[in-house]
Amino acid sequence: MPCVRDDLAQPVCLTVVYNIYTGALISTKVECGECVQGNEFDFETKNLTIRVPLLVEGILTINDNFQASCVTKNVSLLPTQIQQPIRIDIEEKEKKKKK
């Protein structure tokens, strides 16, 4: 009779890099552990980096021949702090340049 564990859960961080000028997906990466949800924009490369904390849940089954299989049963957003957006006040920036 197989051994089944259906309570596996792992927090992960999904990072997506997207170039808004070309519309190309540059990269995606999943890392173990939590992260702060947020985004960054690189004005030179026009790359938008988005980070999303997720919880991946799965089922592990080990059969009589010690063969193991794992099935993903759910992926959900982790409740976490959201990075506050960075405000750029263009008028204030221009005033500082003139001084």
C-alpha atoms as a PDB file:
ATOM      1  CA  MET A   1       0.000   0.000   0.000  1.00  0.00           C
ATOM      2  CA  PRO A   2       1.494   3.392  -0.982  1.00  0.00           C
ATOM      3  CA  CYS A   3       2.450   6.100   1.479  1.00  0.00           C
ATOM      4  CA  VAL A   4       0.641   9.351   0.695  1.00  0.00           C
ATOM      5  CA  ARG A   5       1.318  12.733   2.233  1.00  0.00           C
ATOM      6  CA  ASP A   6      -1.132  15.394   1.101  1.00  0.00           C
ATOM      7  CA  ASP A   7      -0.174  18.292   3.393  1.00  0.00           C
ATOM      8  CA  LEU A   8       2.983  19.537   1.670  1.00  0.00           C
ATOM      9  CA  ALA A   9       3.324  23.317   1.340  1.00  0.00           C
ATOM     10  CA  GLN A  10       6.243  25.475   0.202  1.00  0.00           C
ATOM     11  CA  PRO A  11       6.394  29.273  -0.028  1.00  0.00           C
ATOM     12  CA  VAL A  12       8.080  30.432  -3.242  1.00  0.00           C
ATOM     13  CA  CYS A  13       8.873  33.728  -4.939  1.00  0.00           C
ATOM     14  CA  LEU A  14       7.973  34.155  -8.616  1.00  0.00           C
ATOM     15  CA  THR A  15      10.031  36.825 -10.420  1.00  0.00           C
ATOM     16  CA  VAL A  16       9.010  37.916 -13.925  1.00  0.00           C
ATOM     17  CA  VAL A  17      11.068  40.333 -16.045  1.00  0.00           C
ATOM     18  CA  TYR A  18       9.196  41.893 -18.955  1.00  0.00           C
ATOM     19  CA  ASN A  19      10.446  44.492 -21.450  1.00  0.00           C
ATOM     20  CA  ILE A  20       7.626  46.968 -21.971  1.00  0.00           C
ATOM     21  CA  TYR A  21       9.274  48.529 -25.050  1.00  0.00           C
ATOM     22  CA  THR A  22       9.574  45.313 -27.073  1.00  0.00           C
ATOM     23  CA  GLY A  23       6.790  43.378 -25.373  1.00  0.00           C
ATOM     24  CA  ALA A  24       9.181  40.484 -24.788  1.00  0.00           C
ATOM     25  CA  LEU A  25       9.245  38.254 -21.744  1.00  0.00           C
ATOM     26  CA  ILE A  26      12.893  38.409 -20.654  1.00  0.00           C
ATOM     27  CA  SER A  27      12.879  35.817 -17.864  1.00  0.00           C
ATOM     28  CA  THR A  28      10.936  34.034 -15.150  1.00  0.00           C
ATOM     29  CA  LYS A  29      12.391  32.529 -11.998  1.00  0.00           C
ATOM     30  CA  VAL A  30      10.973  30.613  -9.015  1.00  0.00           C
ATOM     31  CA  GLU A  31      12.971  30.583  -5.783  1.00  0.00           C
ATOM     32  CA  CYS A  32      12.247  28.845  -2.483  1.00  0.00           C
ATOM     33  CA  GLY A  33      11.216  31.155   0.321  1.00  0.00           C
ATOM     34  CA  GLU A  34       9.104  34.224   0.796  1.00  0.00           C
ATOM     35  CA  CYS A  35       9.574  37.639  -0.773  1.00  0.00           C
ATOM     36  CA  VAL A  36       7.974  41.075  -0.682  1.00  0.00           C
ATOM     37  CA  GLN A  37       5.409  41.598  -3.413  1.00  0.00           C
ATOM     38  CA  GLY A  38       6.452  44.501  -5.587  1.00  0.00           C
ATOM     39  CA  ASN A  39       7.841  45.764  -8.861  1.00  0.00           C
ATOM     40  CA  GLU A  40      10.770  47.735 -10.193  1.00  0.00           C
ATOM     41  CA  PHE A  41      11.184  49.575 -13.474  1.00  0.00           C
ATOM     42  CA  ASP A  42      14.556  50.155 -15.130  1.00  0.00           C
ATOM     43  CA  PHE A  43      14.245  53.325 -17.230  1.00  0.00           C
ATOM     44  CA  GLU A  44      17.383  52.540 -19.255  1.00  0.00           C
ATOM     45  CA  THR A  45      16.503  48.981 -20.347  1.00  0.00           C
ATOM     46  CA  LYS A  46      12.709  49.489 -20.104  1.00  0.00           C
ATOM     47  CA  ASN A  47      12.514  46.238 -18.111  1.00  0.00           C
ATOM     48  CA  LEU A  48       9.711  45.784 -15.592  1.00  0.00           C
ATOM     49  CA  THR A  49      10.512  43.296 -12.796  1.00  0.00           C
ATOM     50  CA  ILE A  50       7.547  41.881 -10.874  1.00  0.00           C
ATOM     51  CA  ARG A  51       7.865  39.767  -7.696  1.00  0.00           C
ATOM     52  CA  VAL A  52       4.956  37.695  -6.386  1.00  0.00           C
ATOM     53  CA  PRO A  53       5.001  35.578  -3.193  1.00  0.00           C
ATOM     54  CA  LEU A  54       3.162  32.272  -3.704  1.00  0.00           C
ATOM     55  CA  LEU A  55       2.338  29.171  -1.670  1.00  0.00           C
ATOM     56  CA  VAL A  56       2.611  25.903  -3.625  1.00  0.00           C
ATOM     57  CA  GLU A  57       0.796  22.908  -2.143  1.00  0.00           C
ATOM     58  CA  GLY A  58       1.282  19.331  -3.237  1.00  0.00           C
ATOM     59  CA  ILE A  59       0.771  15.629  -2.676  1.00  0.00           C
ATOM     60  CA  LEU A  60       3.710  13.224  -2.325  1.00  0.00           C
ATOM     61  CA  THR A  61       3.128   9.519  -3.030  1.00  0.00           C
ATOM     62  CA  ILE A  62       5.713   6.774  -2.432  1.00  0.00           C
ATOM     63  CA  ASN A  63       4.749   3.359  -3.772  1.00  0.00           C
ATOM     64  CA  ASP A  64       5.851  -0.161  -2.762  1.00  0.00           C
ATOM     65  CA  ASN A  65       8.859   0.016  -5.125  1.00  0.00           C
ATOM     66  CA  PHE A  66      10.035   3.287  -3.509  1.00  0.00           C
ATOM     67  CA  GLN A  67       9.074   5.251  -6.582  1.00  0.00           C
ATOM     68  CA  ALA A  68       7.960   8.738  -5.619  1.00  0.00           C
ATOM     69  CA  SER A  69       5.712  11.165  -7.397  1.00  0.00           C
ATOM     70  CA  CYS A  70       4.608  14.658  -6.493  1.00  0.00           C
ATOM     71  CA  VAL A  71       1.537  16.425  -7.822  1.00  0.00           C
ATOM     72  CA  THR A  72       0.842  20.140  -7.431  1.00  0.00           C
ATOM     73  CA  LYS A  73      -2.656  20.556  -5.992  1.00  0.00           C
ATOM     74  CA  ASN A  74      -2.796  24.336  -5.445  1.00  0.00           C
ATOM     75  CA  VAL A  75      -0.900  27.583  -6.046  1.00  0.00           C
ATOM     76  CA  SER A  76      -2.103  30.643  -4.141  1.00  0.00           C
ATOM     77  CA  LEU A  77      -0.932  34.131  -3.220  1.00  0.00           C
ATOM     78  CA  LEU A  78       0.788  34.403   0.137  1.00  0.00           C
ATOM     79  CA  PRO A  79      -0.611  37.093   2.394  1.00  0.00           C
ATOM     80  CA  THR A  80       2.348  39.448   2.717  1.00  0.00           C
ATOM     81  CA  GLN A  81       3.336  43.074   2.819  1.00  0.00           C
ATOM     82  CA  ILE A  82       3.074  44.954  -0.446  1.00  0.00           C
ATOM     83  CA  GLN A  83       5.964  47.201  -1.396  1.00  0.00           C
ATOM     84  CA  GLN A  84       4.806  50.788  -1.504  1.00  0.00           C
ATOM     85  CA  PRO A  85       5.046  52.414  -4.949  1.00  0.00           C
ATOM     86  CA  ILE A  86       7.819  54.925  -5.466  1.00  0.00           C
ATOM     87  CA  ARG A  87       6.436  58.372  -6.260  1.00  0.00           C
ATOM     88  CA  ILE A  88       8.457  60.693  -8.423  1.00  0.00           C
ATOM     89  CA  ASP A  89       7.398  64.320  -8.240  1.00  0.00           C
ATOM     90  CA  ILE A  90       8.633  65.713 -11.554  1.00  0.00           C
ATOM     91  CA  GLU A  91       8.007  69.358 -10.582  1.00  0.00           C
ATOM     92  CA  GLU A  92      10.111  69.012  -7.409  1.00  0.00           C
ATOM     93  CA  LYS A  93      12.853  67.300  -9.408  1.00  0.00           C
ATOM     94  CA  GLU A  94      12.911  70.161 -11.929  1.00  0.00           C
ATOM     95  CA  LYS A  95      13.063  72.783  -9.142  1.00  0.00           C
ATOM     96  CA  LYS A  96      16.087  71.032  -7.618  1.00  0.00           C
ATOM     97  CA  LYS A  97      17.838  70.980 -11.011  1.00  0.00           C
ATOM     98  CA  LYS A  98      17.409  74.760 -11.418  1.00  0.00           C
ATOM     99  CA  LYS A  99      18.951  75.542  -7.997  1.00  0.00           C
END
